Amino acid sequence: MDAFLPVLVAAAFAQFSDRAPMLAAVLSDRHAAPRRVLLAFAAAHLIGFALAAGAGLIMANVMTPEARRLILGLAFLFGAFGMAWRQGRLDRLEGWRIGSIATAFLGAFILAFGDRTQFLALGFSAWSASPVLPAIGATIGAMIPTTIAVMMGEAAWARLPHRGVRYGTAAVFALTGILLALSAWGLI
């Protein structure tokens, strides 16, 4: 249970300023199918985070507790770097003609593959040596801003202060990552 709530909160903040909730809002508005889009995003997130958490478990089995803490610190630092880095334009998947569920699932899976929230799921799984709770927590956390974006719609979601939240969260993630890394090295 140690990893469930922290990864849920971290994933929610990491996803708030990510492109995935905006894509969900775009697809929901276009297809007028919010439930299908949310279901597809939840499935894509769960699969992606389960893969990351499984990799974290494999790493945890061959690492010392300090090394696992360092991996978690690096996950936060990668998350901070990803948030501070300028995001590219969102591909609105307008040319995709495979239905709302398939478009949402594949779009979410491709967009989220290797993003900061997957690193957090990996880091928390390595830290806790348990893949189940980090995968579930990251999925629920990622779905919080996605659900809000779908409910608000693309135009209203775009008006929120994403840049401020992104930079504020990046600063908190960077500080957390540095403190975890220093702790893993025995410096604090």
N, C-alpha and C. Protein backbone atom coordinates (compact mmCIF):
# COMPACT_ATOMS: atom_id res chain seq x y z
N MET A 1 0.81 -1.20 0.00
CA MET A 1 0.00 0.00 0.00
C MET A 1 0.86 1.26 0.00
N ASP A 2 2.14 1.10 0.33
CA ASP A 2 3.03 2.26 0.40
C ASP A 2 3.10 3.03 -0.91
N ALA A 3 3.00 2.32 -2.03
CA ALA A 3 3.21 2.98 -3.32
C ALA A 3 1.92 3.47 -3.96
N PHE A 4 0.77 3.01 -3.51
CA PHE A 4 -0.48 3.32 -4.20
C PHE A 4 -0.80 4.82 -4.21
N LEU A 5 -0.91 5.42 -3.06
CA LEU A 5 -1.31 6.83 -2.98
C LEU A 5 -0.26 7.78 -3.54
N PRO A 6 1.04 7.59 -3.23
CA PRO A 6 2.02 8.52 -3.82
C PRO A 6 2.06 8.48 -5.34
N VAL A 7 1.96 7.29 -5.93
CA VAL A 7 2.00 7.23 -7.39
C VAL A 7 0.70 7.77 -7.98
N LEU A 8 -0.41 7.60 -7.29
CA LEU A 8 -1.68 8.16 -7.77
C LEU A 8 -1.59 9.69 -7.84
N VAL A 9 -1.10 10.30 -6.77
CA VAL A 9 -0.98 11.77 -6.74
C VAL A 9 0.04 12.25 -7.77
N ALA A 10 1.19 11.58 -7.83
CA ALA A 10 2.23 11.98 -8.79
C ALA A 10 1.73 11.84 -10.22
N ALA A 11 1.02 10.76 -10.52
CA ALA A 11 0.51 10.55 -11.87
C ALA A 11 -0.54 11.59 -12.23
N ALA A 12 -1.39 11.95 -11.28
CA ALA A 12 -2.41 12.96 -11.56
C ALA A 12 -1.77 14.30 -11.91
N PHE A 13 -0.77 14.70 -11.14
CA PHE A 13 -0.10 15.97 -11.44
C PHE A 13 0.73 15.88 -12.72
N ALA A 14 1.36 14.74 -12.96
CA ALA A 14 2.16 14.58 -14.17
C ALA A 14 1.29 14.61 -15.42
N GLN A 15 0.11 14.03 -15.34
CA GLN A 15 -0.77 13.97 -16.50
C GLN A 15 -1.54 15.26 -16.74
N PHE A 16 -1.73 16.07 -15.71
CA PHE A 16 -2.52 17.28 -15.87
C PHE A 16 -2.00 18.14 -17.02
N SER A 17 -0.71 18.28 -17.11
CA SER A 17 -0.14 19.15 -18.14
C SER A 17 0.38 18.36 -19.33
N ASP A 18 0.05 17.08 -19.41
CA ASP A 18 0.50 16.25 -20.52
C ASP A 18 -0.49 16.38 -21.68
N ARG A 19 -0.14 15.78 -22.80
CA ARG A 19 -1.00 15.86 -23.98
C ARG A 19 -2.13 14.85 -23.96
N ALA A 20 -2.03 13.80 -23.15
CA ALA A 20 -3.05 12.74 -23.15
C ALA A 20 -4.45 13.26 -22.79
N PRO A 21 -4.61 14.04 -21.72
CA PRO A 21 -5.97 14.54 -21.44
C PRO A 21 -6.53 15.41 -22.57
N MET A 22 -5.68 16.20 -23.20
CA MET A 22 -6.15 17.03 -24.31
C MET A 22 -6.60 16.14 -25.47
N LEU A 23 -5.83 15.09 -25.76
CA LEU A 23 -6.23 14.16 -26.82
C LEU A 23 -7.56 13.51 -26.48
N ALA A 24 -7.74 13.13 -25.22
CA ALA A 24 -9.02 12.53 -24.81
C ALA A 24 -10.17 13.51 -25.02
N ALA A 25 -9.96 14.77 -24.68
CA ALA A 25 -11.01 15.77 -24.87
C ALA A 25 -11.31 15.97 -26.35
N VAL A 26 -10.27 16.00 -27.17
CA VAL A 26 -10.44 16.16 -28.62
C VAL A 26 -11.25 15.00 -29.18
N LEU A 27 -10.85 13.78 -28.83
CA LEU A 27 -11.53 12.60 -29.38
C LEU A 27 -12.96 12.48 -28.85
N SER A 28 -13.16 12.83 -27.60
CA SER A 28 -14.51 12.78 -27.04
C SER A 28 -15.43 13.78 -27.73
N ASP A 29 -14.93 14.98 -27.96
CA ASP A 29 -15.74 15.98 -28.66
C ASP A 29 -16.02 15.54 -30.10
N ARG A 30 -15.02 15.00 -30.76
CA ARG A 30 -15.18 14.62 -32.17
C ARG A 30 -16.15 13.46 -32.32
N HIS A 31 -16.01 12.44 -31.50
CA HIS A 31 -16.83 11.23 -31.66
C HIS A 31 -18.11 11.27 -30.82
N ALA A 32 -18.26 12.29 -29.97
CA ALA A 32 -19.42 12.38 -29.06
C ALA A 32 -19.60 11.07 -28.31
N ALA A 33 -18.47 10.53 -27.82
CA ALA A 33 -18.49 9.24 -27.13
C ALA A 33 -17.57 9.29 -25.91
N PRO A 34 -17.92 10.08 -24.90
CA PRO A 34 -17.01 10.23 -23.76
C PRO A 34 -16.75 8.92 -23.01
N ARG A 35 -17.76 8.10 -22.85
CA ARG A 35 -17.55 6.84 -22.11
C ARG A 35 -16.60 5.92 -22.84
N ARG A 36 -16.78 5.81 -24.15
CA ARG A 36 -15.89 4.94 -24.93
C ARG A 36 -14.46 5.46 -24.92
N VAL A 37 -14.30 6.76 -25.04
CA VAL A 37 -12.95 7.34 -25.01
C VAL A 37 -12.30 7.10 -23.65
N LEU A 38 -13.04 7.32 -22.58
CA LEU A 38 -12.49 7.10 -21.24
C LEU A 38 -12.14 5.64 -21.01
N LEU A 39 -12.98 4.73 -21.47
CA LEU A 39 -12.70 3.30 -21.33
C LEU A 39 -11.43 2.92 -22.09
N ALA A 40 -11.30 3.43 -23.31
CA ALA A 40 -10.12 3.13 -24.11
C ALA A 40 -8.86 3.72 -23.48
N PHE A 41 -8.94 4.93 -22.98
CA PHE A 41 -7.79 5.54 -22.31
C PHE A 41 -7.41 4.78 -21.05
N ALA A 42 -8.41 4.37 -20.27
CA ALA A 42 -8.13 3.61 -19.05
C ALA A 42 -7.44 2.28 -19.39
N ALA A 43 -7.91 1.60 -20.42
CA ALA A 43 -7.28 0.34 -20.82
C ALA A 43 -5.85 0.56 -21.30
N ALA A 44 -5.64 1.59 -22.11
CA ALA A 44 -4.30 1.88 -22.62
C ALA A 44 -3.35 2.24 -21.48
N HIS A 45 -3.83 3.07 -20.56
CA HIS A 45 -2.99 3.44 -19.41
C HIS A 45 -2.68 2.23 -18.55
N LEU A 46 -3.68 1.41 -18.27
CA LEU A 46 -3.45 0.24 -17.41
C LEU A 46 -2.42 -0.70 -18.03
N ILE A 47 -2.52 -0.95 -19.31
CA ILE A 47 -1.56 -1.84 -19.97
C ILE A 47 -0.16 -1.22 -19.93
N GLY A 48 -0.06 0.04 -20.29
CA GLY A 48 1.25 0.70 -20.29
C GLY A 48 1.88 0.76 -18.91
N PHE A 49 1.08 1.09 -17.91
CA PHE A 49 1.63 1.17 -16.55
C PHE A 49 1.92 -0.21 -15.97
N ALA A 50 1.15 -1.21 -16.37
CA ALA A 50 1.45 -2.58 -15.92
C ALA A 50 2.78 -3.05 -16.49
N LEU A 51 3.04 -2.72 -17.75
CA LEU A 51 4.35 -3.07 -18.34
C LEU A 51 5.48 -2.37 -17.60
N ALA A 52 5.30 -1.09 -17.32
CA ALA A 52 6.33 -0.34 -16.60
C ALA A 52 6.52 -0.88 -15.19
N ALA A 53 5.43 -1.17 -14.51
CA ALA A 53 5.53 -1.70 -13.14
C ALA A 53 6.16 -3.08 -13.14
N GLY A 54 5.88 -3.88 -14.15
CA GLY A 54 6.53 -5.19 -14.27
C GLY A 54 8.03 -5.05 -14.45
N ALA A 55 8.43 -4.09 -15.26
CA ALA A 55 9.87 -3.83 -15.42
C ALA A 55 10.48 -3.36 -14.11
N GLY A 56 9.75 -2.56 -13.36
CA GLY A 56 10.23 -2.11 -12.05
C GLY A 56 10.40 -3.26 -11.08
N LEU A 57 9.50 -4.24 -11.13
CA LEU A 57 9.62 -5.41 -10.27
C LEU A 57 10.86 -6.22 -10.63
N ILE A 58 11.11 -6.39 -11.92
CA ILE A 58 12.31 -7.11 -12.35
C ILE A 58 13.56 -6.41 -11.83
N MET A 59 13.56 -5.09 -11.94
CA MET A 59 14.71 -4.33 -11.44
C MET A 59 14.84 -4.46 -9.93
N ALA A 60 13.71 -4.42 -9.22
CA ALA A 60 13.74 -4.48 -7.75
C ALA A 60 14.34 -5.77 -7.24
N ASN A 61 14.14 -6.85 -7.98
CA ASN A 61 14.63 -8.15 -7.54
C ASN A 61 16.14 -8.28 -7.59
N VAL A 62 16.81 -7.39 -8.29
CA VAL A 62 18.27 -7.48 -8.40
C VAL A 62 18.98 -6.25 -7.82
N MET A 63 18.23 -5.40 -7.13
CA MET A 63 18.80 -4.15 -6.62
C MET A 63 18.74 -4.07 -5.10
N THR A 64 19.64 -3.29 -4.56
CA THR A 64 19.62 -3.00 -3.13
C THR A 64 18.52 -1.96 -2.86
N PRO A 65 18.10 -1.79 -1.62
CA PRO A 65 17.11 -0.75 -1.32
C PRO A 65 17.57 0.65 -1.73
N GLU A 66 18.86 0.92 -1.59
CA GLU A 66 19.37 2.24 -1.99
C GLU A 66 19.26 2.43 -3.50
N ALA A 67 19.56 1.39 -4.25
CA ALA A 67 19.46 1.49 -5.71
C ALA A 67 18.01 1.67 -6.14
N ARG A 68 17.09 1.00 -5.45
CA ARG A 68 15.67 1.17 -5.77
C ARG A 68 15.21 2.59 -5.47
N ARG A 69 15.71 3.16 -4.38
CA ARG A 69 15.38 4.56 -4.05
C ARG A 69 15.95 5.49 -5.11
N LEU A 70 17.15 5.19 -5.59
CA LEU A 70 17.75 6.00 -6.64
C LEU A 70 16.93 5.93 -7.93
N ILE A 71 16.42 4.76 -8.27
CA ILE A 71 15.57 4.62 -9.46
C ILE A 71 14.32 5.49 -9.32
N LEU A 72 13.73 5.50 -8.14
CA LEU A 72 12.55 6.35 -7.91
C LEU A 72 12.93 7.82 -8.03
N GLY A 73 14.08 8.20 -7.48
CA GLY A 73 14.54 9.58 -7.61
C GLY A 73 14.76 9.96 -9.07
N LEU A 74 15.35 9.06 -9.84
CA LEU A 74 15.56 9.32 -11.26
C LEU A 74 14.23 9.44 -12.01
N ALA A 75 13.25 8.63 -11.61
CA ALA A 75 11.93 8.73 -12.24
C ALA A 75 11.34 10.12 -12.02
N PHE A 76 11.48 10.65 -10.81
CA PHE A 76 11.00 12.01 -10.54
C PHE A 76 11.80 13.04 -11.34
N LEU A 77 13.12 12.85 -11.43
CA LEU A 77 13.93 13.80 -12.20
C LEU A 77 13.59 13.75 -13.68
N PHE A 78 13.39 12.55 -14.24
CA PHE A 78 12.96 12.44 -15.64
C PHE A 78 11.60 13.10 -15.83
N GLY A 79 10.71 12.91 -14.85
CA GLY A 79 9.41 13.57 -14.93
C GLY A 79 9.53 15.08 -14.93
N ALA A 80 10.40 15.60 -14.06
CA ALA A 80 10.61 17.05 -14.00
C ALA A 80 11.18 17.56 -15.31
N PHE A 81 12.15 16.85 -15.86
CA PHE A 81 12.75 17.26 -17.13
C PHE A 81 11.70 17.23 -18.25
N GLY A 82 10.88 16.18 -18.27
CA GLY A 82 9.84 16.07 -19.29
C GLY A 82 8.82 17.18 -19.21
N MET A 83 8.51 17.62 -17.99
CA MET A 83 7.54 18.71 -17.84
C MET A 83 8.15 20.06 -18.21
N ALA A 84 9.42 20.25 -17.91
CA ALA A 84 10.07 21.52 -18.21
C ALA A 84 10.36 21.66 -19.70
N TRP A 85 10.48 20.55 -20.39
CA TRP A 85 10.77 20.56 -21.83
C TRP A 85 9.52 20.98 -22.58
N ARG A 86 9.72 21.75 -23.63
CA ARG A 86 8.59 22.22 -24.44
C ARG A 86 7.91 21.03 -25.12
N GLN A 87 6.60 20.98 -25.01
CA GLN A 87 5.85 19.90 -25.62
C GLN A 87 5.55 20.22 -27.07
N GLY A 88 5.61 19.20 -27.90
CA GLY A 88 5.30 19.38 -29.31
C GLY A 88 3.80 19.52 -29.53
N ARG A 89 3.43 19.76 -30.76
CA ARG A 89 2.01 19.89 -31.10
C ARG A 89 1.31 18.55 -30.94
N LEU A 90 0.09 18.63 -30.55
CA LEU A 90 -0.73 17.44 -30.37
C LEU A 90 -1.23 16.96 -31.73
N ASP A 91 -0.98 15.70 -32.03
CA ASP A 91 -1.57 15.09 -33.22
C ASP A 91 -3.02 14.77 -32.88
N ARG A 92 -3.94 15.37 -33.59
CA ARG A 92 -5.36 15.22 -33.28
C ARG A 92 -5.95 13.95 -33.88
N LEU A 93 -5.15 13.16 -34.55
CA LEU A 93 -5.56 11.87 -35.12
C LEU A 93 -6.77 12.02 -36.04
N GLU A 94 -6.79 13.10 -36.80
CA GLU A 94 -7.94 13.37 -37.66
C GLU A 94 -8.04 12.41 -38.84
N GLY A 95 -6.93 11.84 -39.25
CA GLY A 95 -6.97 10.92 -40.38
C GLY A 95 -7.29 9.49 -39.99
N TRP A 96 -7.42 9.22 -38.74
CA TRP A 96 -7.68 7.86 -38.27
C TRP A 96 -9.17 7.55 -38.45
N ARG A 97 -9.46 6.49 -39.16
CA ARG A 97 -10.85 6.10 -39.43
C ARG A 97 -11.11 4.67 -38.92
N ILE A 98 -10.75 4.43 -37.68
CA ILE A 98 -10.88 3.07 -37.14
C ILE A 98 -11.87 3.01 -35.97
N GLY A 99 -12.65 4.03 -35.79
CA GLY A 99 -13.64 4.04 -34.72
C GLY A 99 -13.13 4.73 -33.48
N SER A 100 -14.06 5.12 -32.64
CA SER A 100 -13.69 5.91 -31.46
C SER A 100 -12.88 5.12 -30.45
N ILE A 101 -13.24 3.87 -30.20
CA ILE A 101 -12.52 3.08 -29.19
C ILE A 101 -11.11 2.77 -29.65
N ALA A 102 -10.96 2.27 -30.87
CA ALA A 102 -9.63 1.92 -31.37
C ALA A 102 -8.74 3.15 -31.50
N THR A 103 -9.30 4.25 -31.99
CA THR A 103 -8.51 5.48 -32.11
C THR A 103 -8.06 5.97 -30.74
N ALA A 104 -8.98 5.97 -29.78
CA ALA A 104 -8.62 6.44 -28.44
C ALA A 104 -7.60 5.52 -27.79
N PHE A 105 -7.80 4.21 -27.91
CA PHE A 105 -6.88 3.26 -27.28
C PHE A 105 -5.48 3.38 -27.87
N LEU A 106 -5.39 3.29 -29.20
CA LEU A 106 -4.07 3.36 -29.84
C LEU A 106 -3.43 4.73 -29.66
N GLY A 107 -4.21 5.78 -29.77
CA GLY A 107 -3.67 7.13 -29.58
C GLY A 107 -3.12 7.31 -28.18
N ALA A 108 -3.87 6.86 -27.18
CA ALA A 108 -3.42 6.98 -25.78
C ALA A 108 -2.19 6.12 -25.53
N PHE A 109 -2.20 4.90 -26.05
CA PHE A 109 -1.07 4.00 -25.81
C PHE A 109 0.21 4.53 -26.45
N ILE A 110 0.11 4.98 -27.68
CA ILE A 110 1.28 5.51 -28.37
C ILE A 110 1.77 6.79 -27.71
N LEU A 111 0.85 7.66 -27.35
CA LEU A 111 1.22 8.93 -26.73
C LEU A 111 1.86 8.72 -25.36
N ALA A 112 1.36 7.76 -24.61
CA ALA A 112 1.85 7.56 -23.24
C ALA A 112 3.06 6.64 -23.16
N PHE A 113 3.39 5.94 -24.24
CA PHE A 113 4.48 4.98 -24.17
C PHE A 113 5.81 5.71 -23.94
N GLY A 114 6.42 5.44 -22.80
CA GLY A 114 7.70 6.06 -22.46
C GLY A 114 7.59 7.46 -21.90
N ASP A 115 6.38 7.88 -21.52
CA ASP A 115 6.26 9.24 -20.97
C ASP A 115 6.59 9.24 -19.48
N ARG A 116 6.53 10.41 -18.89
CA ARG A 116 6.96 10.58 -17.50
C ARG A 116 6.15 9.75 -16.52
N THR A 117 4.89 9.54 -16.77
CA THR A 117 4.08 8.78 -15.83
C THR A 117 4.45 7.31 -15.85
N GLN A 118 4.87 6.79 -17.00
CA GLN A 118 5.35 5.41 -17.02
C GLN A 118 6.63 5.27 -16.21
N PHE A 119 7.51 6.25 -16.27
CA PHE A 119 8.72 6.21 -15.45
C PHE A 119 8.36 6.24 -13.97
N LEU A 120 7.34 7.00 -13.61
CA LEU A 120 6.91 7.02 -12.22
C LEU A 120 6.37 5.66 -11.78
N ALA A 121 5.59 5.02 -12.64
CA ALA A 121 5.08 3.68 -12.31
C ALA A 121 6.24 2.69 -12.15
N LEU A 122 7.22 2.78 -13.03
CA LEU A 122 8.41 1.93 -12.92
C LEU A 122 9.16 2.23 -11.63
N GLY A 123 9.38 3.50 -11.35
CA GLY A 123 10.12 3.89 -10.15
C GLY A 123 9.45 3.46 -8.86
N PHE A 124 8.14 3.67 -8.77
CA PHE A 124 7.42 3.26 -7.56
C PHE A 124 7.35 1.75 -7.44
N SER A 125 7.27 1.05 -8.56
CA SER A 125 7.27 -0.41 -8.51
C SER A 125 8.62 -0.94 -8.06
N ALA A 126 9.69 -0.35 -8.55
CA ALA A 126 11.03 -0.77 -8.11
C ALA A 126 11.23 -0.44 -6.64
N TRP A 127 10.76 0.71 -6.21
CA TRP A 127 10.93 1.14 -4.82
C TRP A 127 10.15 0.24 -3.86
N SER A 128 8.93 -0.12 -4.24
CA SER A 128 8.07 -0.90 -3.35
C SER A 128 8.19 -2.40 -3.57
N ALA A 129 8.85 -2.82 -4.65
CA ALA A 129 8.98 -4.23 -5.02
C ALA A 129 7.61 -4.89 -5.21
N SER A 130 6.65 -4.12 -5.67
CA SER A 130 5.30 -4.63 -5.93
C SER A 130 4.77 -3.94 -7.18
N PRO A 131 4.40 -4.69 -8.22
CA PRO A 131 3.94 -4.04 -9.44
C PRO A 131 2.45 -3.70 -9.47
N VAL A 132 1.65 -4.36 -8.65
CA VAL A 132 0.20 -4.22 -8.78
C VAL A 132 -0.28 -2.83 -8.34
N LEU A 133 0.05 -2.44 -7.12
CA LEU A 133 -0.45 -1.15 -6.62
C LEU A 133 0.09 0.05 -7.39
N PRO A 134 1.38 0.07 -7.78
CA PRO A 134 1.83 1.20 -8.60
C PRO A 134 1.12 1.28 -9.95
N ALA A 135 0.85 0.13 -10.59
CA ALA A 135 0.16 0.15 -11.88
C ALA A 135 -1.27 0.66 -11.73
N ILE A 136 -1.96 0.19 -10.70
CA ILE A 136 -3.33 0.63 -10.47
C ILE A 136 -3.36 2.10 -10.04
N GLY A 137 -2.47 2.49 -9.14
CA GLY A 137 -2.42 3.87 -8.68
C GLY A 137 -2.10 4.83 -9.81
N ALA A 138 -1.14 4.47 -10.66
CA ALA A 138 -0.79 5.33 -11.79
C ALA A 138 -1.95 5.44 -12.77
N THR A 139 -2.66 4.34 -12.99
CA THR A 139 -3.80 4.37 -13.90
C THR A 139 -4.90 5.29 -13.37
N ILE A 140 -5.24 5.13 -12.10
CA ILE A 140 -6.27 5.99 -11.51
C ILE A 140 -5.82 7.45 -11.53
N GLY A 141 -4.57 7.68 -11.16
CA GLY A 141 -4.05 9.04 -11.16
C GLY A 141 -4.06 9.67 -12.54
N ALA A 142 -3.69 8.90 -13.56
CA ALA A 142 -3.69 9.42 -14.93
C ALA A 142 -5.10 9.67 -15.44
N MET A 143 -6.05 8.89 -14.95
CA MET A 143 -7.42 9.05 -15.41
C MET A 143 -8.14 10.23 -14.77
N ILE A 144 -7.62 10.75 -13.67
CA ILE A 144 -8.28 11.91 -13.03
C ILE A 144 -8.28 13.11 -13.97
N PRO A 145 -7.12 13.59 -14.46
CA PRO A 145 -7.18 14.73 -15.38
C PRO A 145 -7.80 14.37 -16.73
N THR A 146 -7.66 13.11 -17.14
CA THR A 146 -8.26 12.70 -18.41
C THR A 146 -9.78 12.78 -18.32
N THR A 147 -10.33 12.31 -17.23
CA THR A 147 -11.79 12.37 -17.05
C THR A 147 -12.27 13.81 -16.97
N ILE A 148 -11.54 14.64 -16.25
CA ILE A 148 -11.91 16.05 -16.15
C ILE A 148 -11.86 16.71 -17.53
N ALA A 149 -10.83 16.41 -18.31
CA ALA A 149 -10.70 16.99 -19.65
C ALA A 149 -11.86 16.57 -20.55
N VAL A 150 -12.24 15.31 -20.48
CA VAL A 150 -13.35 14.82 -21.30
C VAL A 150 -14.66 15.49 -20.87
N MET A 151 -14.85 15.63 -19.58
CA MET A 151 -16.08 16.27 -19.08
C MET A 151 -16.14 17.75 -19.45
N MET A 152 -14.98 18.42 -19.42
CA MET A 152 -14.95 19.85 -19.73
C MET A 152 -15.04 20.12 -21.23
N GLY A 153 -14.46 19.24 -22.03
CA GLY A 153 -14.38 19.48 -23.45
C GLY A 153 -13.07 20.17 -23.81
N GLU A 154 -12.73 20.09 -25.08
CA GLU A 154 -11.44 20.60 -25.55
C GLU A 154 -11.25 22.09 -25.27
N ALA A 155 -12.23 22.89 -25.61
CA ALA A 155 -12.08 24.35 -25.48
C ALA A 155 -11.88 24.77 -24.02
N ALA A 156 -12.68 24.24 -23.13
CA ALA A 156 -12.56 24.62 -21.71
C ALA A 156 -11.27 24.08 -21.11
N TRP A 157 -10.88 22.86 -21.48
CA TRP A 157 -9.63 22.27 -20.96
C TRP A 157 -8.43 23.09 -21.42
N ALA A 158 -8.46 23.57 -22.64
CA ALA A 158 -7.34 24.34 -23.18
C ALA A 158 -7.16 25.67 -22.46
N ARG A 159 -8.21 26.19 -21.84
CA ARG A 159 -8.12 27.48 -21.15
C ARG A 159 -7.51 27.38 -19.75
N LEU A 160 -7.34 26.19 -19.23
CA LEU A 160 -6.77 26.03 -17.89
C LEU A 160 -5.28 26.42 -17.88
N PRO A 161 -4.73 26.79 -16.74
CA PRO A 161 -3.33 27.24 -16.65
C PRO A 161 -2.33 26.08 -16.65
N HIS A 162 -2.25 25.38 -17.76
CA HIS A 162 -1.39 24.19 -17.85
C HIS A 162 0.08 24.52 -17.64
N ARG A 163 0.52 25.63 -18.19
CA ARG A 163 1.94 25.98 -18.09
C ARG A 163 2.36 26.18 -16.64
N GLY A 164 1.59 26.91 -15.88
CA GLY A 164 1.92 27.15 -14.48
C GLY A 164 1.94 25.86 -13.66
N VAL A 165 0.94 25.02 -13.88
CA VAL A 165 0.90 23.74 -13.17
C VAL A 165 2.08 22.87 -13.59
N ARG A 166 2.39 22.88 -14.88
CA ARG A 166 3.50 22.07 -15.38
C ARG A 166 4.82 22.48 -14.75
N TYR A 167 5.10 23.78 -14.72
CA TYR A 167 6.37 24.24 -14.15
C TYR A 167 6.41 24.07 -12.64
N GLY A 168 5.29 24.31 -11.98
CA GLY A 168 5.23 24.10 -10.53
C GLY A 168 5.45 22.63 -10.17
N THR A 169 4.79 21.75 -10.91
CA THR A 169 4.96 20.31 -10.67
C THR A 169 6.37 19.88 -11.01
N ALA A 170 6.94 20.44 -12.07
CA ALA A 170 8.32 20.10 -12.43
C ALA A 170 9.28 20.47 -11.31
N ALA A 171 9.06 21.61 -10.68
CA ALA A 171 9.93 22.03 -9.57
C ALA A 171 9.80 21.07 -8.39
N VAL A 172 8.57 20.69 -8.05
CA VAL A 172 8.36 19.75 -6.94
C VAL A 172 8.97 18.39 -7.28
N PHE A 173 8.78 17.92 -8.50
CA PHE A 173 9.35 16.64 -8.92
C PHE A 173 10.88 16.69 -8.89
N ALA A 174 11.47 17.81 -9.33
CA ALA A 174 12.93 17.92 -9.32
C ALA A 174 13.46 17.88 -7.90
N LEU A 175 12.84 18.62 -7.00
CA LEU A 175 13.26 18.61 -5.60
C LEU A 175 13.11 17.22 -4.99
N THR A 176 12.00 16.57 -5.26
CA THR A 176 11.78 15.21 -4.75
C THR A 176 12.83 14.25 -5.30
N GLY A 177 13.10 14.34 -6.59
CA GLY A 177 14.11 13.47 -7.20
C GLY A 177 15.49 13.69 -6.63
N ILE A 178 15.85 14.94 -6.42
CA ILE A 178 17.17 15.25 -5.85
C ILE A 178 17.28 14.72 -4.43
N LEU A 179 16.24 14.92 -3.62
CA LEU A 179 16.26 14.43 -2.24
C LEU A 179 16.33 12.91 -2.19
N LEU A 180 15.58 12.24 -3.06
CA LEU A 180 15.64 10.78 -3.09
C LEU A 180 17.01 10.28 -3.53
N ALA A 181 17.60 10.94 -4.52
CA ALA A 181 18.93 10.53 -4.99
C ALA A 181 19.98 10.76 -3.91
N LEU A 182 19.94 11.90 -3.25
CA LEU A 182 20.90 12.16 -2.17
C LEU A 182 20.72 11.17 -1.02
N SER A 183 19.49 10.82 -0.73
CA SER A 183 19.22 9.83 0.31
C SER A 183 19.74 8.45 -0.10
N ALA A 184 19.57 8.10 -1.36
CA ALA A 184 20.06 6.81 -1.85
C ALA A 184 21.58 6.73 -1.77
N TRP A 185 22.24 7.84 -1.98
CA TRP A 185 23.71 7.87 -1.90
C TRP A 185 24.20 8.03 -0.47
N GLY A 186 23.28 8.16 0.47
CA GLY A 186 23.66 8.29 1.87
C GLY A 186 24.16 9.67 2.25
N LEU A 187 23.83 10.67 1.47
CA LEU A 187 24.31 12.02 1.73
C LEU A 187 23.37 12.82 2.62
N ILE A 188 22.14 12.38 2.74
CA ILE A 188 21.21 13.03 3.67
C ILE A 188 20.43 11.97 4.42
